[in-house]
Amino acid sequence: MPISANNTNRKSWIEVPSDSDFPIQNIPFGVFITKDDVITIGTRIGDCAIDMGALQQLNYFEGIELTDDMFMQDTLNDFISDGKKTWKLVRNRLAELFDETNPILRDNKEHREIVIFNVKDIEMQLPVLIGDFTDFYTSKINATNIGKIINNPEKALPLNWFHMPIGYHGRSSTIIPSGIPINRPMVQTLPIGETSPVFGPSRMVDFELEMAFITTDANIMGENIPISEAEDYIFGMVLMNDWSARDIQKWESLSFGPFLGKNFATSISSWIVTMDALEPFRTKGPKQDPAPLPYLQQKGKNNFDINLEIDIQTENATTTALSKTNFKYIYWSMIQQLAHHTSNGCRVNSGDMMGSGTISGPTPDSFGSLFELTLGGKTPIQLNDGSERRFLNDGDTVIMKGFSKNNGVRIGFGELSTKLLPPYVRK
């Protein structure tokens, strides 16, 4: 089915700022609460949020087979479960409806007032009910940087890293949308030079710049997904901040892997950008050497050219740009991640989320975490207000951005912004 929504010549009758992440060629999906306290599924063009539940009630999706309440729900899970054909039909219909040449809604003032909201007047929600969350470790540059800091610089990566996408299962209960602050976690750590652990606020809270993909229903338990089919089960992508408490992570990783150092918070951007919208930005990833086993071998361009940025804003509202990198640097592609994830028969459901792992580029100004930028806290970085950071202070806000651009079209994710608060105190 053609993706007519991607037509680069298409313009909308909704005004779109030139630097917007959300031209009519994007048409992401999310969930928001209107100023009338109605929760709905929606999309966005420019600075306008569009109530798709209201559009459905007004019969603007006529001819597309949808359940009566498809867009009048508080998650996208059912829509995602409907599969790729439905996603394309709905996205193409929205592109047609908001095309500058289409008068049907453009010239209906009554319907426009029901359907369209300024983004300042809505409250974004978590777009999907995330049943399961897996975080991978797929950037070779990031994994090498971390390995050099923690382990022997000559043996930064373990042997298995080059043969399969490494990952762990995280907590979905603490995944939050952009704009929701988090608390500094209380953790158990082993101070340097001590033989007994202590308990208190983490002193090494860090961000990790990642992206994540959202799946649809993919398989039954015991069934694997061939790499040739994996892309059919990926709905779209979001920005992701995999918050990390490096001090407890170091202590607990002596015997196993990520646990309390990771599960206290994970932030994601509020709008899911579909793989269809990202189709024009395909690119090849890094050369894989040695060649993966047959079940992980892929053909064509399976990475995506997505520019990524990290800023930190201090409590005095001073912002410092920390890093610029690109999603194309990940070593293991999304389809390799999904194929490996299900190779043992693990079931994947609608709304499951899978993080890429920290995305770092080849230069120090393209690293995706403070742990890398400060060499494990040994070398502080200077902020624009004159202060220094080894790790995050209470009151710091981490802002992540991501966008692709070519042929004059910019497809972005909006901001992922999260403030770090002091530890939670029971009242």
Protein backbone atom coordinates (compact mmCIF):
# COMPACT_ATOMS: atom_id res chain seq x y z
CA MET A 1 0.00 0.00 0.00
CA PRO A 2 1.50 3.41 -0.98
CA ILE A 3 2.41 5.75 1.88
CA SER A 4 0.73 8.86 0.46
CA ALA A 5 1.15 10.63 3.81
CA ASN A 6 4.88 10.92 3.08
CA ASN A 7 4.39 13.12 -0.01
CA THR A 8 7.07 15.80 0.43
CA ASN A 9 5.05 18.31 -1.59
CA ARG A 10 2.02 18.07 0.68
CA LYS A 11 1.15 21.09 2.82
CA SER A 12 -1.48 21.43 5.51
CA TRP A 13 -4.14 24.09 6.04
CA ILE A 14 -2.91 24.04 9.65
CA GLU A 15 0.00 26.46 10.01
CA VAL A 16 3.27 24.64 10.69
CA PRO A 17 6.36 26.57 11.93
CA SER A 18 9.42 26.04 9.73
CA ASP A 19 11.39 24.35 12.51
CA SER A 20 8.52 22.14 13.69
CA ASP A 21 9.04 18.42 14.33
CA PHE A 22 5.46 17.83 13.24
CA PRO A 23 4.73 18.69 9.61
CA ILE A 24 1.84 16.95 7.87
CA GLN A 25 4.33 14.27 6.70
CA ASN A 26 4.87 13.12 10.30
CA ILE A 27 1.42 12.33 11.75
CA PRO A 28 2.56 10.69 15.00
CA PHE A 29 0.18 9.08 17.49
CA GLY A 30 -0.31 9.77 21.17
CA VAL A 31 -2.82 10.05 24.00
CA PHE A 32 -3.84 13.30 25.67
CA ILE A 33 -6.39 14.90 27.98
CA THR A 34 -8.29 17.87 26.55
CA LYS A 35 -9.11 21.07 28.40
CA ASP A 36 -12.56 19.54 28.98
CA ASP A 37 -10.94 16.57 30.80
CA VAL A 38 -11.66 14.16 27.95
CA ILE A 39 -8.96 11.56 27.35
CA THR A 40 -8.48 10.64 23.71
CA ILE A 41 -6.12 9.23 21.13
CA GLY A 42 -4.75 11.89 18.84
CA THR A 43 -2.16 13.13 16.40
CA ARG A 44 -0.29 16.38 15.96
CA ILE A 45 0.39 18.83 13.14
CA GLY A 46 2.50 21.89 13.98
CA ASP A 47 1.35 23.20 17.36
CA CYS A 48 -2.10 21.64 17.05
CA ALA A 49 -3.21 18.44 18.76
CA ILE A 50 -5.97 16.64 16.89
CA ASP A 51 -8.64 14.61 18.67
CA MET A 52 -8.99 11.40 16.68
CA GLY A 53 -11.78 10.17 18.94
CA ALA A 54 -13.83 13.19 17.92
CA LEU A 55 -12.89 12.64 14.27
CA GLN A 56 -14.17 9.09 14.52
CA GLN A 57 -17.44 10.19 16.14
CA LEU A 58 -17.89 12.71 13.33
CA ASN A 59 -17.39 9.89 10.79
CA TYR A 60 -14.15 11.14 9.25
CA PHE A 61 -12.75 7.59 9.16
CA GLU A 62 -15.65 6.22 7.13
CA GLY A 63 -14.60 3.29 4.95
CA ILE A 64 -11.81 2.13 7.28
CA GLU A 65 -12.72 -0.92 9.35
CA LEU A 66 -12.37 0.20 12.96
CA THR A 67 -14.08 -0.76 16.20
CA ASP A 68 -16.59 1.87 17.29
CA ASP A 69 -14.38 3.08 20.14
CA MET A 70 -10.96 2.62 18.50
CA PHE A 71 -9.81 6.18 19.18
CA MET A 72 -11.91 6.85 22.26
CA GLN A 73 -9.57 4.95 24.57
CA ASP A 74 -6.77 5.84 26.95
CA THR A 75 -4.06 3.82 25.18
CA LEU A 76 -3.00 3.03 21.62
CA ASN A 77 -2.75 -0.72 22.26
CA ASP A 78 -5.90 -1.76 20.37
CA PHE A 79 -5.03 0.43 17.40
CA ILE A 80 -1.52 -1.02 17.31
CA SER A 81 -2.96 -4.56 17.52
CA ASP A 82 -4.97 -3.91 14.34
CA GLY A 83 -1.77 -4.14 12.35
CA LYS A 84 0.18 -2.45 9.60
CA LYS A 85 -2.67 -2.15 7.07
CA THR A 86 -4.84 -0.19 9.50
CA TRP A 87 -1.95 2.08 10.54
CA LYS A 88 -1.31 3.02 6.91
CA LEU A 89 -4.98 3.60 6.09
CA VAL A 90 -5.52 5.86 9.11
CA ARG A 91 -2.32 7.83 8.59
CA ASN A 92 -3.07 8.33 4.87
CA ARG A 93 -6.62 9.43 5.71
CA LEU A 94 -5.35 12.02 8.21
CA ALA A 95 -2.89 13.36 5.64
CA GLU A 96 -5.72 13.74 3.11
CA LEU A 97 -8.05 15.35 5.65
CA PHE A 98 -5.54 18.02 6.67
CA ASP A 99 -4.16 18.65 3.17
CA GLU A 100 -4.42 22.34 2.25
CA THR A 101 -6.55 21.50 -0.80
CA ASN A 102 -9.17 19.52 1.14
CA PRO A 103 -12.09 21.73 2.30
CA ILE A 104 -14.13 19.06 4.14
CA LEU A 105 -12.83 19.83 7.63
CA ARG A 106 -10.95 23.02 6.75
CA ASP A 107 -14.19 24.86 5.98
CA ASN A 108 -16.26 23.36 8.79
CA LYS A 109 -15.70 25.73 11.70
CA GLU A 110 -17.98 23.80 14.08
CA HIS A 111 -16.07 20.55 13.58
CA ARG A 112 -12.67 22.25 13.73
CA GLU A 113 -13.49 23.65 17.17
CA ILE A 114 -14.39 20.15 18.39
CA VAL A 115 -11.38 18.41 16.89
CA ILE A 116 -8.39 20.77 17.12
CA PHE A 117 -6.59 21.98 20.27
CA ASN A 118 -3.49 24.05 20.90
CA VAL A 119 -0.82 21.77 22.37
CA LYS A 120 -0.55 24.21 25.31
CA ASP A 121 -4.14 23.34 26.25
CA ILE A 122 -3.70 19.56 26.49
CA GLU A 123 -1.90 17.20 28.85
CA MET A 124 0.04 14.37 27.22
CA GLN A 125 -0.23 10.87 28.67
CA LEU A 126 1.76 7.67 28.30
CA PRO A 127 0.77 6.60 24.76
CA VAL A 128 0.58 2.85 25.37
CA LEU A 129 0.02 0.44 28.23
CA ILE A 130 3.49 -1.09 28.31
CA GLY A 131 3.25 -4.67 29.45
CA ASP A 132 6.92 -5.54 29.04
CA PHE A 133 10.07 -3.48 28.64
CA THR A 134 13.42 -4.71 27.33
CA ASP A 135 16.52 -2.56 27.18
CA PHE A 136 19.30 -3.54 24.79
CA TYR A 137 22.98 -2.60 24.73
CA THR A 138 23.52 -2.16 21.01
CA SER A 139 25.87 0.80 20.44
CA LYS A 140 29.41 -0.50 19.92
CA ILE A 141 30.91 2.90 20.67
CA ASN A 142 28.98 3.25 23.94
CA ALA A 143 29.70 -0.32 25.04
CA THR A 144 33.40 0.16 24.27
CA ASN A 145 33.53 3.46 26.19
CA ILE A 146 31.87 1.92 29.24
CA GLY A 147 34.07 -1.17 29.05
CA LYS A 148 37.26 0.91 28.92
CA ILE A 149 36.22 2.92 31.98
CA ILE A 150 35.14 -0.08 34.06
CA ASN A 151 37.30 -2.93 32.76
CA ASN A 152 40.57 -3.56 30.94
CA PRO A 153 40.85 -1.04 28.05
CA GLU A 154 42.29 -3.83 25.91
CA LYS A 155 39.29 -6.05 26.54
CA ALA A 156 36.46 -3.52 26.69
CA LEU A 157 33.84 -5.77 25.13
CA PRO A 158 33.09 -9.38 26.07
CA LEU A 159 33.19 -12.01 23.31
CA ASN A 160 29.42 -12.53 23.23
CA TRP A 161 28.73 -8.84 22.47
CA PHE A 162 29.74 -9.31 18.81
CA HIS A 163 27.48 -12.32 18.33
CA MET A 164 24.08 -11.21 19.66
CA PRO A 165 22.20 -8.14 20.87
CA ILE A 166 22.68 -8.06 24.64
CA GLY A 167 19.70 -6.87 26.73
CA TYR A 168 17.87 -7.10 30.02
CA HIS A 169 14.25 -6.95 31.13
CA GLY A 170 13.33 -3.73 32.92
CA ARG A 171 10.33 -2.47 34.86
CA SER A 172 7.37 -1.11 32.91
CA SER A 173 5.72 0.26 36.08
CA THR A 174 8.10 3.22 36.27
CA ILE A 175 7.99 4.31 32.61
CA ILE A 176 6.70 7.88 32.42
CA PRO A 177 6.02 10.44 29.65
CA SER A 178 7.95 13.65 29.08
CA GLY A 179 7.33 16.39 31.65
CA ILE A 180 6.92 14.14 34.68
CA PRO A 181 9.73 14.72 37.23
CA ILE A 182 11.53 11.89 39.01
CA ASN A 183 13.06 11.58 42.48
CA ARG A 184 16.67 10.83 43.23
CA PRO A 185 16.63 7.15 44.27
CA MET A 186 17.67 5.83 47.67
CA VAL A 187 20.21 3.07 47.13
CA GLN A 188 22.61 0.68 48.77
CA THR A 189 26.23 1.26 47.74
CA LEU A 190 29.74 0.21 48.70
CA PRO A 191 31.92 3.29 49.27
CA ILE A 192 35.45 3.14 47.89
CA GLY A 193 37.81 1.52 50.38
CA GLU A 194 34.99 0.12 52.56
CA THR A 195 34.03 -3.51 53.15
CA SER A 196 30.42 -2.91 54.26
CA PRO A 197 27.66 -1.20 52.25
CA VAL A 198 25.70 1.93 53.24
CA PHE A 199 22.20 3.13 52.36
CA GLY A 200 21.33 6.64 51.21
CA PRO A 201 20.63 8.91 48.20
CA SER A 202 22.42 7.93 45.01
CA ARG A 203 25.36 10.26 44.36
CA MET A 204 25.78 9.21 40.72
CA VAL A 205 22.44 9.72 38.95
CA ASP A 206 22.95 9.70 35.20
CA PHE A 207 20.95 9.87 31.99
CA GLU A 208 21.27 7.56 29.00
CA LEU A 209 20.21 8.82 25.59
CA GLU A 210 18.29 6.05 23.86
CA MET A 211 15.50 5.39 21.43
CA ALA A 212 12.87 2.72 21.83
CA PHE A 213 10.50 0.94 19.49
CA ILE A 214 6.93 -0.14 20.21
CA THR A 215 5.70 -3.52 19.00
CA THR A 216 2.39 -4.97 17.95
CA ASP A 217 1.21 -8.52 18.68
CA ALA A 218 3.94 -10.58 17.08
CA ASN A 219 3.89 -14.26 17.97
CA ILE A 220 2.57 -17.00 20.21
CA MET A 221 4.64 -18.42 23.02
CA GLY A 222 7.26 -20.78 21.61
CA GLU A 223 7.29 -19.16 18.15
CA ASN A 224 10.20 -17.09 16.86
CA ILE A 225 9.96 -14.10 14.52
CA PRO A 226 12.21 -14.47 11.45
CA ILE A 227 14.36 -11.44 10.81
CA SER A 228 12.76 -11.10 7.36
CA GLU A 229 9.38 -10.46 9.05
CA ALA A 230 10.46 -8.55 12.15
CA GLU A 231 9.82 -5.08 10.75
CA ASP A 232 6.12 -5.88 10.23
CA TYR A 233 5.72 -5.97 14.00
CA ILE A 234 7.30 -2.60 14.81
CA PHE A 235 4.75 0.22 15.06
CA GLY A 236 6.99 3.21 15.74
CA MET A 237 9.63 4.86 17.87
CA VAL A 238 10.04 7.24 20.81
CA LEU A 239 12.94 9.00 22.49
CA MET A 240 13.95 7.33 25.74
CA ASN A 241 15.99 8.35 28.78
CA ASP A 242 17.13 5.23 30.61
CA TRP A 243 17.86 6.80 34.00
CA SER A 244 20.74 5.15 35.82
CA ALA A 245 22.12 5.29 39.36
CA ARG A 246 25.73 4.40 38.62
CA ASP A 247 26.82 3.83 42.22
CA ILE A 248 24.33 1.08 43.02
CA GLN A 249 24.66 -0.24 39.47
CA LYS A 250 28.38 -0.77 40.14
CA TRP A 251 27.69 -2.50 43.47
CA GLU A 252 24.88 -4.82 42.33
CA SER A 253 26.56 -5.70 39.02
CA LEU A 254 29.34 -7.51 40.88
CA SER A 255 27.10 -10.57 40.96
CA PHE A 256 24.45 -10.00 38.29
CA GLY A 257 23.10 -7.24 36.07
CA PRO A 258 20.95 -4.09 36.10
CA PHE A 259 18.35 -4.01 38.87
CA LEU A 260 17.75 -1.08 41.26
CA GLY A 261 20.30 0.97 39.38
CA LYS A 262 17.87 1.05 36.47
CA ASN A 263 14.30 0.36 37.56
CA PHE A 264 13.51 3.59 39.42
CA ALA A 265 12.59 5.56 36.28
CA THR A 266 12.52 5.46 32.48
CA SER A 267 11.25 8.50 30.54
CA ILE A 268 9.91 8.49 26.98
CA SER A 269 8.70 11.15 24.56
CA SER A 270 4.93 11.44 24.31
CA TRP A 271 4.36 11.05 20.55
CA ILE A 272 5.08 7.77 18.76
CA VAL A 273 6.56 8.42 15.33
CA THR A 274 5.62 5.60 12.98
CA MET A 275 8.10 3.57 10.98
CA ASP A 276 6.22 4.69 7.87
CA ALA A 277 7.06 8.32 8.67
CA LEU A 278 10.72 7.36 9.15
CA GLU A 279 10.88 5.34 5.92
CA PRO A 280 12.66 8.11 3.93
CA PHE A 281 15.51 8.17 6.45
CA ARG A 282 16.76 4.61 6.16
CA THR A 283 20.52 4.09 6.16
CA LYS A 284 23.05 1.33 6.62
CA GLY A 285 24.44 0.64 10.05
CA PRO A 286 28.04 -0.17 11.05
CA LYS A 287 29.71 -3.17 9.41
CA GLN A 288 29.24 -6.26 11.56
CA ASP A 289 32.41 -8.27 12.00
CA PRO A 290 32.27 -11.18 12.57
CA ALA A 291 29.15 -11.87 10.51
CA PRO A 292 26.16 -12.73 12.72
CA LEU A 293 24.68 -16.20 12.76
CA PRO A 294 22.14 -16.83 9.98
CA TYR A 295 19.07 -16.00 12.11
CA LEU A 296 20.46 -12.46 12.64
CA GLN A 297 21.68 -11.77 9.11
CA GLN A 298 19.89 -8.86 7.45
CA LYS A 299 19.74 -7.26 4.03
CA GLY A 300 19.42 -3.66 2.93
CA LYS A 301 19.22 -0.48 4.98
CA ASN A 302 17.90 -1.27 8.46
CA ASN A 303 19.20 1.65 10.51
CA PHE A 304 17.74 5.17 10.51
CA ASP A 305 19.38 8.58 10.22
CA ILE A 306 17.98 10.34 13.29
CA ASN A 307 19.85 13.29 14.79
CA LEU A 308 19.88 13.25 18.59
CA GLU A 309 20.70 15.99 21.08
CA ILE A 310 21.09 16.26 24.86
CA ASP A 311 20.78 19.47 26.86
CA ILE A 312 20.91 20.02 30.58
CA GLN A 313 19.01 22.88 32.21
CA THR A 314 20.02 23.88 35.73
CA GLU A 315 17.59 25.17 38.33
CA ASN A 316 18.50 28.76 37.40
CA ALA A 317 17.16 28.05 33.87
CA THR A 318 20.58 28.07 32.20
CA THR A 319 20.78 25.52 29.40
CA THR A 320 23.95 23.78 28.20
CA ALA A 321 24.21 21.59 25.10
CA LEU A 322 26.04 18.43 26.16
CA SER A 323 26.05 16.12 23.17
CA LYS A 324 24.92 15.53 19.59
CA THR A 325 24.84 12.04 18.13
CA ASN A 326 22.83 9.90 15.71
CA PHE A 327 20.73 6.74 15.95
CA LYS A 328 22.51 5.33 12.89
CA TYR A 329 25.50 4.43 15.09
CA ILE A 330 23.77 1.47 16.75
CA TYR A 331 25.52 -1.78 15.88
CA TRP A 332 22.54 -4.12 16.20
CA SER A 333 19.45 -2.98 14.27
CA MET A 334 15.89 -3.03 15.60
CA ILE A 335 14.95 -6.04 13.47
CA GLN A 336 17.98 -7.91 14.80
CA GLN A 337 16.94 -7.01 18.34
CA LEU A 338 13.40 -8.31 17.80
CA ALA A 339 14.52 -11.46 15.97
CA HIS A 340 16.96 -12.28 18.77
CA HIS A 341 14.42 -11.43 21.49
CA THR A 342 12.00 -14.04 20.13
CA SER A 343 14.55 -16.60 18.96
CA ASN A 344 13.87 -18.66 22.09
CA GLY A 345 10.09 -18.41 21.74
CA CYS A 346 9.56 -15.38 23.98
CA ARG A 347 6.15 -13.81 23.34
CA VAL A 348 5.86 -10.19 22.23
CA ASN A 349 2.61 -8.22 22.67
CA SER A 350 1.05 -4.98 21.51
CA GLY A 351 2.57 -2.06 23.38
CA ASP A 352 5.79 -3.77 24.41
CA MET A 353 8.75 -1.40 24.41
CA MET A 354 12.35 -2.17 23.51
CA GLY A 355 15.15 0.33 24.16
CA SER A 356 18.22 0.63 21.99
CA GLY A 357 20.79 1.07 24.71
CA THR A 358 22.79 4.29 25.04
CA ILE A 359 23.54 5.84 21.65
CA SER A 360 27.04 7.30 21.40
CA GLY A 361 28.91 8.66 18.41
CA PRO A 362 32.63 8.45 17.60
CA THR A 363 33.73 11.73 19.24
CA PRO A 364 33.59 12.90 22.89
CA ASP A 365 30.94 15.51 22.03
CA SER A 366 28.67 12.72 20.76
CA PHE A 367 28.61 10.51 23.87
CA GLY A 368 25.18 9.61 25.23
CA SER A 369 25.72 9.60 29.01
CA LEU A 370 27.49 11.58 31.72
CA PHE A 371 29.40 8.45 32.64
CA GLU A 372 31.11 8.64 29.25
CA LEU A 373 31.32 12.44 29.07
CA THR A 374 33.06 12.63 32.48
CA LEU A 375 35.08 9.40 32.22
CA GLY A 376 33.16 7.78 35.04
CA GLY A 377 33.02 10.99 37.08
CA LYS A 378 36.78 11.60 36.99
CA THR A 379 36.65 14.63 34.67
CA PRO A 380 33.82 17.12 35.37
CA ILE A 381 32.15 19.02 32.54
CA GLN A 382 31.63 22.79 32.64
CA LEU A 383 28.10 24.18 32.28
CA ASN A 384 27.17 27.59 30.91
CA ASP A 385 26.28 28.94 34.37
CA GLY A 386 29.82 28.23 35.60
CA SER A 387 28.94 25.13 37.61
CA GLU A 388 30.42 21.68 37.06
CA ARG A 389 28.86 18.25 36.77
CA ARG A 390 30.23 14.79 37.26
CA PHE A 391 26.71 13.48 37.66
CA LEU A 392 23.32 15.17 37.95
CA ASN A 393 22.33 17.57 40.73
CA ASP A 394 18.85 17.86 42.21
CA GLY A 395 16.96 20.44 40.17
CA ASP A 396 18.67 19.56 36.88
CA THR A 397 16.41 18.98 33.90
CA VAL A 398 17.61 16.66 31.14
CA ILE A 399 16.22 17.54 27.69
CA MET A 400 16.54 15.16 24.76
CA LYS A 401 15.58 15.89 21.15
CA GLY A 402 15.52 13.85 17.98
CA PHE A 403 14.72 14.54 14.33
CA SER A 404 15.42 13.44 10.77
CA LYS A 405 15.60 15.80 7.82
CA ASN A 406 15.96 15.52 4.05
CA ASN A 407 14.27 16.90 0.95
CA GLY A 408 13.13 19.87 3.01
CA VAL A 409 11.05 17.72 5.38
CA ARG A 410 11.84 17.47 9.09
CA ILE A 411 10.33 14.56 11.04
CA GLY A 412 10.88 14.82 14.78
CA PHE A 413 9.85 13.48 18.15
CA GLY A 414 9.41 16.67 20.16
CA GLU A 415 11.23 17.15 23.45
CA LEU A 416 11.78 14.55 26.13
CA SER A 417 12.19 16.65 29.26
CA THR A 418 12.57 15.32 32.80
CA LYS A 419 13.54 17.10 36.03
CA LEU A 420 15.45 15.38 38.84
CA LEU A 421 14.02 16.10 42.29
CA PRO A 422 15.45 15.30 45.74
CA PRO A 423 14.66 11.89 47.26
CA TYR A 424 11.01 11.23 48.03
CA VAL A 425 10.06 11.84 51.66
CA ARG A 426 7.08 10.01 53.17
CA LYS A 427 4.62 12.37 54.81
